[in-house]
Amino acid sequence: MRLALLLACSLLAGCASTPAPDAAVASFVVIRHAEKVDASRDPDLAPAGHARAVALAGVFADRAPDAIYTTDFRRTRQTVQPTAAAHGLAPRVYDANQPAEAFAAALRAAHPRGRVLVAGHSNTVPGIVAALCACAVPAMADTEYDRLSVVEVDAAGHARLRSTRYGATSP
């Protein structure tokens, strides 16, 4: 009887540790840069933007990203800087003008597993997210800074989008 109970417990423990067939193997966290100080071409972050950048680092406090991508603008680099510094990562610069489909395909090919942070702009983030998940994504208002989109891709290549908010609520 004890042997049968031990065997049953072992089998249940084995089942509990087996990942679900639809478990995500790649996770792309896509955000817009944080609040900027003005509307110039390449502004720094405003104080509220620096606070949001710190809040973003908190999103990755328990699990570091494997890679960070940013455009070559001060506001996007400054947004990911606290996260990169906390985990000893060097952000990779991507061209903000490249087609979203091409960038998303490159991301999925380069990162079939792991967690990737991507920082973009209000006019590029929805397209990148839509290309990663092959789903409809609403446009982003110029005043929206708190959207955090997570595209999880399973082992079969099927994507699922989860949208949430982080940091202070955008106006």
C-alpha atoms as a PDB file:
ATOM      1  CA  MET A   1       0.000   0.000   0.000  1.00  0.00           C
ATOM      2  CA  ARG A   2       2.803   2.422   0.888  1.00  0.00           C
ATOM      3  CA  LEU A   3       4.600   1.519  -2.319  1.00  0.00           C
ATOM      4  CA  ALA A   4       1.469   2.237  -4.379  1.00  0.00           C
ATOM      5  CA  LEU A   5       0.999   5.597  -2.593  1.00  0.00           C
ATOM      6  CA  LEU A   6       4.654   6.511  -3.185  1.00  0.00           C
ATOM      7  CA  LEU A   7       4.370   5.588  -6.861  1.00  0.00           C
ATOM      8  CA  ALA A   8       1.168   7.629  -7.264  1.00  0.00           C
ATOM      9  CA  CYS A   9       2.788  10.675  -5.609  1.00  0.00           C
ATOM     10  CA  SER A  10       5.841  10.360  -7.864  1.00  0.00           C
ATOM     11  CA  LEU A  11       3.672  10.230 -10.973  1.00  0.00           C
ATOM     12  CA  LEU A  12       1.662  13.266  -9.869  1.00  0.00           C
ATOM     13  CA  ALA A  13       4.849  15.211  -9.108  1.00  0.00           C
ATOM     14  CA  GLY A  14       6.178  14.374 -12.559  1.00  0.00           C
ATOM     15  CA  CYS A  15       2.987  15.649 -14.178  1.00  0.00           C
ATOM     16  CA  ALA A  16       3.083  18.849 -12.137  1.00  0.00           C
ATOM     17  CA  SER A  17       6.572  19.710 -13.336  1.00  0.00           C
ATOM     18  CA  THR A  18       5.862  19.054 -17.012  1.00  0.00           C
ATOM     19  CA  PRO A  19       5.285  22.328 -18.862  1.00  0.00           C
ATOM     20  CA  ALA A  20       1.926  22.796 -20.513  1.00  0.00           C
ATOM     21  CA  PRO A  21       2.010  22.146 -24.260  1.00  0.00           C
ATOM     22  CA  ASP A  22       1.041  25.758 -24.939  1.00  0.00           C
ATOM     23  CA  ALA A  23       3.601  27.283 -22.550  1.00  0.00           C
ATOM     24  CA  ALA A  24       5.304  30.347 -24.004  1.00  0.00           C
ATOM     25  CA  VAL A  25       8.909  29.871 -24.988  1.00  0.00           C
ATOM     26  CA  ALA A  26       9.440  33.462 -26.119  1.00  0.00           C
ATOM     27  CA  SER A  27       8.062  36.588 -24.536  1.00  0.00           C
ATOM     28  CA  PHE A  28       8.346  40.023 -26.168  1.00  0.00           C
ATOM     29  CA  VAL A  29       7.598  42.979 -23.901  1.00  0.00           C
ATOM     30  CA  VAL A  30       6.961  46.024 -26.085  1.00  0.00           C
ATOM     31  CA  ILE A  31       6.630  49.536 -24.676  1.00  0.00           C
ATOM     32  CA  ARG A  32       6.684  53.091 -25.876  1.00  0.00           C
ATOM     33  CA  HIS A  33       9.402  55.371 -24.526  1.00  0.00           C
ATOM     34  CA  ALA A  34       8.494  57.236 -21.352  1.00  0.00           C
ATOM     35  CA  GLU A  35       7.352  60.862 -21.074  1.00  0.00           C
ATOM     36  CA  LYS A  36       9.627  63.340 -22.848  1.00  0.00           C
ATOM     37  CA  VAL A  37      10.587  66.813 -21.720  1.00  0.00           C
ATOM     38  CA  ASP A  38       9.393  68.541 -24.916  1.00  0.00           C
ATOM     39  CA  ALA A  39       8.323  67.950 -28.513  1.00  0.00           C
ATOM     40  CA  SER A  40      11.750  68.458 -30.090  1.00  0.00           C
ATOM     41  CA  ARG A  41      13.231  65.817 -32.394  1.00  0.00           C
ATOM     42  CA  ASP A  42      15.411  64.055 -29.805  1.00  0.00           C
ATOM     43  CA  PRO A  43      14.411  65.170 -26.304  1.00  0.00           C
ATOM     44  CA  ASP A  44      15.462  63.773 -22.960  1.00  0.00           C
ATOM     45  CA  LEU A  45      12.946  62.210 -20.614  1.00  0.00           C
ATOM     46  CA  ALA A  46      10.942  64.461 -18.325  1.00  0.00           C
ATOM     47  CA  PRO A  47      10.997  63.765 -14.562  1.00  0.00           C
ATOM     48  CA  ALA A  48       7.788  61.716 -14.994  1.00  0.00           C
ATOM     49  CA  GLY A  49       9.568  59.765 -17.743  1.00  0.00           C
ATOM     50  CA  HIS A  50      12.515  58.965 -15.508  1.00  0.00           C
ATOM     51  CA  ALA A  51      10.060  57.731 -12.862  1.00  0.00           C
ATOM     52  CA  ARG A  52       8.381  55.530 -15.489  1.00  0.00           C
ATOM     53  CA  ALA A  53      11.776  54.149 -16.575  1.00  0.00           C
ATOM     54  CA  VAL A  54      12.405  53.104 -12.975  1.00  0.00           C
ATOM     55  CA  ALA A  55       8.923  51.526 -12.858  1.00  0.00           C
ATOM     56  CA  LEU A  56       9.805  49.581 -16.015  1.00  0.00           C
ATOM     57  CA  ALA A  57      12.914  48.220 -14.310  1.00  0.00           C
ATOM     58  CA  GLY A  58      10.585  47.020 -11.542  1.00  0.00           C
ATOM     59  CA  VAL A  59       8.639  44.972 -14.113  1.00  0.00           C
ATOM     60  CA  PHE A  60      11.862  43.016 -14.688  1.00  0.00           C
ATOM     61  CA  ALA A  61      12.946  42.822 -11.032  1.00  0.00           C
ATOM     62  CA  ASP A  62      12.100  39.113 -10.681  1.00  0.00           C
ATOM     63  CA  ARG A  63      13.164  37.961 -14.138  1.00  0.00           C
ATOM     64  CA  ALA A  64      15.738  39.719 -16.275  1.00  0.00           C
ATOM     65  CA  PRO A  65      15.236  40.196 -19.982  1.00  0.00           C
ATOM     66  CA  ASP A  66      17.583  38.225 -22.220  1.00  0.00           C
ATOM     67  CA  ALA A  67      17.902  41.166 -24.596  1.00  0.00           C
ATOM     68  CA  ILE A  68      16.837  44.804 -24.825  1.00  0.00           C
ATOM     69  CA  TYR A  69      16.143  46.639 -28.077  1.00  0.00           C
ATOM     70  CA  THR A  70      15.812  50.409 -28.397  1.00  0.00           C
ATOM     71  CA  THR A  71      15.737  52.969 -31.155  1.00  0.00           C
ATOM     72  CA  ASP A  72      18.638  55.409 -31.342  1.00  0.00           C
ATOM     73  CA  PHE A  73      16.764  58.274 -29.702  1.00  0.00           C
ATOM     74  CA  ARG A  74      17.595  59.621 -26.241  1.00  0.00           C
ATOM     75  CA  ARG A  75      14.076  59.054 -24.928  1.00  0.00           C
ATOM     76  CA  THR A  76      14.025  55.337 -25.797  1.00  0.00           C
ATOM     77  CA  ARG A  77      17.596  54.747 -24.584  1.00  0.00           C
ATOM     78  CA  GLN A  78      16.835  56.551 -21.307  1.00  0.00           C
ATOM     79  CA  THR A  79      13.623  54.549 -20.862  1.00  0.00           C
ATOM     80  CA  VAL A  80      15.424  51.187 -20.951  1.00  0.00           C
ATOM     81  CA  GLN A  81      18.578  52.368 -19.133  1.00  0.00           C
ATOM     82  CA  PRO A  82      17.504  51.449 -15.552  1.00  0.00           C
ATOM     83  CA  THR A  83      16.463  47.953 -16.695  1.00  0.00           C
ATOM     84  CA  ALA A  84      19.689  47.461 -18.662  1.00  0.00           C
ATOM     85  CA  ALA A  85      21.835  48.689 -15.755  1.00  0.00           C
ATOM     86  CA  ALA A  86      20.031  46.496 -13.223  1.00  0.00           C
ATOM     87  CA  HIS A  87      20.779  43.384 -15.275  1.00  0.00           C
ATOM     88  CA  GLY A  88      24.124  44.289 -16.828  1.00  0.00           C
ATOM     89  CA  LEU A  89      22.780  44.311 -20.384  1.00  0.00           C
ATOM     90  CA  ALA A  90      23.793  46.472 -23.325  1.00  0.00           C
ATOM     91  CA  PRO A  91      20.724  47.573 -25.280  1.00  0.00           C
ATOM     92  CA  ARG A  92      20.772  46.805 -29.000  1.00  0.00           C
ATOM     93  CA  VAL A  93      19.841  49.669 -31.298  1.00  0.00           C
ATOM     94  CA  TYR A  94      17.364  49.022 -34.109  1.00  0.00           C
ATOM     95  CA  ASP A  95      16.225  51.296 -36.928  1.00  0.00           C
ATOM     96  CA  ALA A  96      12.911  52.932 -36.023  1.00  0.00           C
ATOM     97  CA  ASN A  97      12.128  53.375 -39.721  1.00  0.00           C
ATOM     98  CA  GLN A  98      12.345  49.720 -40.737  1.00  0.00           C
ATOM     99  CA  PRO A  99       9.052  47.980 -41.506  1.00  0.00           C
ATOM    100  CA  ALA A 100       7.438  46.484 -38.400  1.00  0.00           C
ATOM    101  CA  GLU A 101       6.998  43.112 -40.122  1.00  0.00           C
ATOM    102  CA  ALA A 102      10.726  42.854 -40.901  1.00  0.00           C
ATOM    103  CA  PHE A 103      11.736  43.859 -37.370  1.00  0.00           C
ATOM    104  CA  ALA A 104       9.244  41.442 -35.774  1.00  0.00           C
ATOM    105  CA  ALA A 105      10.478  38.589 -37.983  1.00  0.00           C
ATOM    106  CA  ALA A 106      14.069  39.365 -37.015  1.00  0.00           C
ATOM    107  CA  LEU A 107      13.124  39.420 -33.317  1.00  0.00           C
ATOM    108  CA  ARG A 108      11.300  36.090 -33.508  1.00  0.00           C
ATOM    109  CA  ALA A 109      14.202  34.492 -35.426  1.00  0.00           C
ATOM    110  CA  ALA A 110      16.857  35.842 -33.046  1.00  0.00           C
ATOM    111  CA  HIS A 111      14.908  34.988 -29.882  1.00  0.00           C
ATOM    112  CA  PRO A 112      12.966  31.722 -30.215  1.00  0.00           C
ATOM    113  CA  ARG A 113      13.180  31.477 -26.414  1.00  0.00           C
ATOM    114  CA  GLY A 114      13.545  33.920 -23.555  1.00  0.00           C
ATOM    115  CA  ARG A 115      12.287  37.357 -22.663  1.00  0.00           C
ATOM    116  CA  VAL A 116      12.963  40.434 -24.785  1.00  0.00           C
ATOM    117  CA  LEU A 117      12.246  44.105 -24.027  1.00  0.00           C
ATOM    118  CA  VAL A 118      11.576  46.383 -27.008  1.00  0.00           C
ATOM    119  CA  ALA A 119      11.213  50.165 -26.675  1.00  0.00           C
ATOM    120  CA  GLY A 120       9.692  52.145 -29.520  1.00  0.00           C
ATOM    121  CA  HIS A 121       7.440  55.097 -30.271  1.00  0.00           C
ATOM    122  CA  SER A 122       3.714  55.811 -30.406  1.00  0.00           C
ATOM    123  CA  ASN A 123       3.736  55.424 -34.194  1.00  0.00           C
ATOM    124  CA  THR A 124       5.793  52.184 -34.217  1.00  0.00           C
ATOM    125  CA  VAL A 125       4.805  50.162 -31.139  1.00  0.00           C
ATOM    126  CA  PRO A 126       1.317  49.113 -32.354  1.00  0.00           C
ATOM    127  CA  GLY A 127       2.778  47.896 -35.660  1.00  0.00           C
ATOM    128  CA  ILE A 128       5.572  45.952 -33.976  1.00  0.00           C
ATOM    129  CA  VAL A 129       3.119  44.310 -31.571  1.00  0.00           C
ATOM    130  CA  ALA A 130       0.678  43.503 -34.385  1.00  0.00           C
ATOM    131  CA  ALA A 131       3.476  41.968 -36.463  1.00  0.00           C
ATOM    132  CA  LEU A 132       4.706  39.875 -33.508  1.00  0.00           C
ATOM    133  CA  CYS A 133       1.276  38.489 -32.657  1.00  0.00           C
ATOM    134  CA  ALA A 134      -0.408  38.566 -36.082  1.00  0.00           C
ATOM    135  CA  CYS A 135      -3.363  40.262 -34.416  1.00  0.00           C
ATOM    136  CA  ALA A 136      -5.133  43.611 -34.421  1.00  0.00           C
ATOM    137  CA  VAL A 137      -3.633  46.216 -32.091  1.00  0.00           C
ATOM    138  CA  PRO A 138      -5.222  49.608 -31.362  1.00  0.00           C
ATOM    139  CA  ALA A 139      -3.367  52.788 -32.298  1.00  0.00           C
ATOM    140  CA  MET A 140      -1.486  54.601 -29.559  1.00  0.00           C
ATOM    141  CA  ALA A 141      -2.300  58.190 -28.653  1.00  0.00           C
ATOM    142  CA  ASP A 142       0.593  60.611 -28.382  1.00  0.00           C
ATOM    143  CA  THR A 143      -0.246  61.005 -24.679  1.00  0.00           C
ATOM    144  CA  GLU A 144      -0.190  57.255 -23.923  1.00  0.00           C
ATOM    145  CA  TYR A 145       2.962  56.124 -22.131  1.00  0.00           C
ATOM    146  CA  ASP A 146       1.767  53.365 -19.802  1.00  0.00           C
ATOM    147  CA  ARG A 147       0.809  50.568 -22.226  1.00  0.00           C
ATOM    148  CA  LEU A 148       2.866  47.400 -21.808  1.00  0.00           C
ATOM    149  CA  SER A 149       2.225  44.767 -24.471  1.00  0.00           C
ATOM    150  CA  VAL A 150       3.434  41.214 -23.940  1.00  0.00           C
ATOM    151  CA  VAL A 151       3.459  38.868 -26.919  1.00  0.00           C
ATOM    152  CA  GLU A 152       4.022  35.271 -25.849  1.00  0.00           C
ATOM    153  CA  VAL A 153       4.990  32.787 -28.530  1.00  0.00           C
ATOM    154  CA  ASP A 154       4.627  29.057 -27.839  1.00  0.00           C
ATOM    155  CA  ALA A 155       6.786  26.224 -29.151  1.00  0.00           C
ATOM    156  CA  ALA A 156       4.496  25.814 -32.184  1.00  0.00           C
ATOM    157  CA  GLY A 157       4.905  29.489 -33.111  1.00  0.00           C
ATOM    158  CA  HIS A 158       1.420  30.556 -32.006  1.00  0.00           C
ATOM    159  CA  ALA A 159       1.334  34.012 -30.442  1.00  0.00           C
ATOM    160  CA  ARG A 160      -0.878  35.458 -27.735  1.00  0.00           C
ATOM    161  CA  LEU A 161      -1.108  39.157 -26.818  1.00  0.00           C
ATOM    162  CA  ARG A 162      -1.556  40.395 -23.281  1.00  0.00           C
ATOM    163  CA  SER A 163      -1.792  44.152 -22.684  1.00  0.00           C
ATOM    164  CA  THR A 164      -1.434  45.804 -19.322  1.00  0.00           C
ATOM    165  CA  ARG A 165      -0.317  49.115 -17.813  1.00  0.00           C
ATOM    166  CA  TYR A 166       2.757  50.035 -15.799  1.00  0.00           C
ATOM    167  CA  GLY A 167       3.933  53.058 -13.846  1.00  0.00           C
ATOM    168  CA  ALA A 168       1.747  56.110 -13.363  1.00  0.00           C
ATOM    169  CA  THR A 169      -1.468  56.255 -15.376  1.00  0.00           C
ATOM    170  CA  SER A 170      -1.145  58.263 -18.595  1.00  0.00           C
ATOM    171  CA  PRO A 171      -3.385  61.334 -18.824  1.00  0.00           C
END
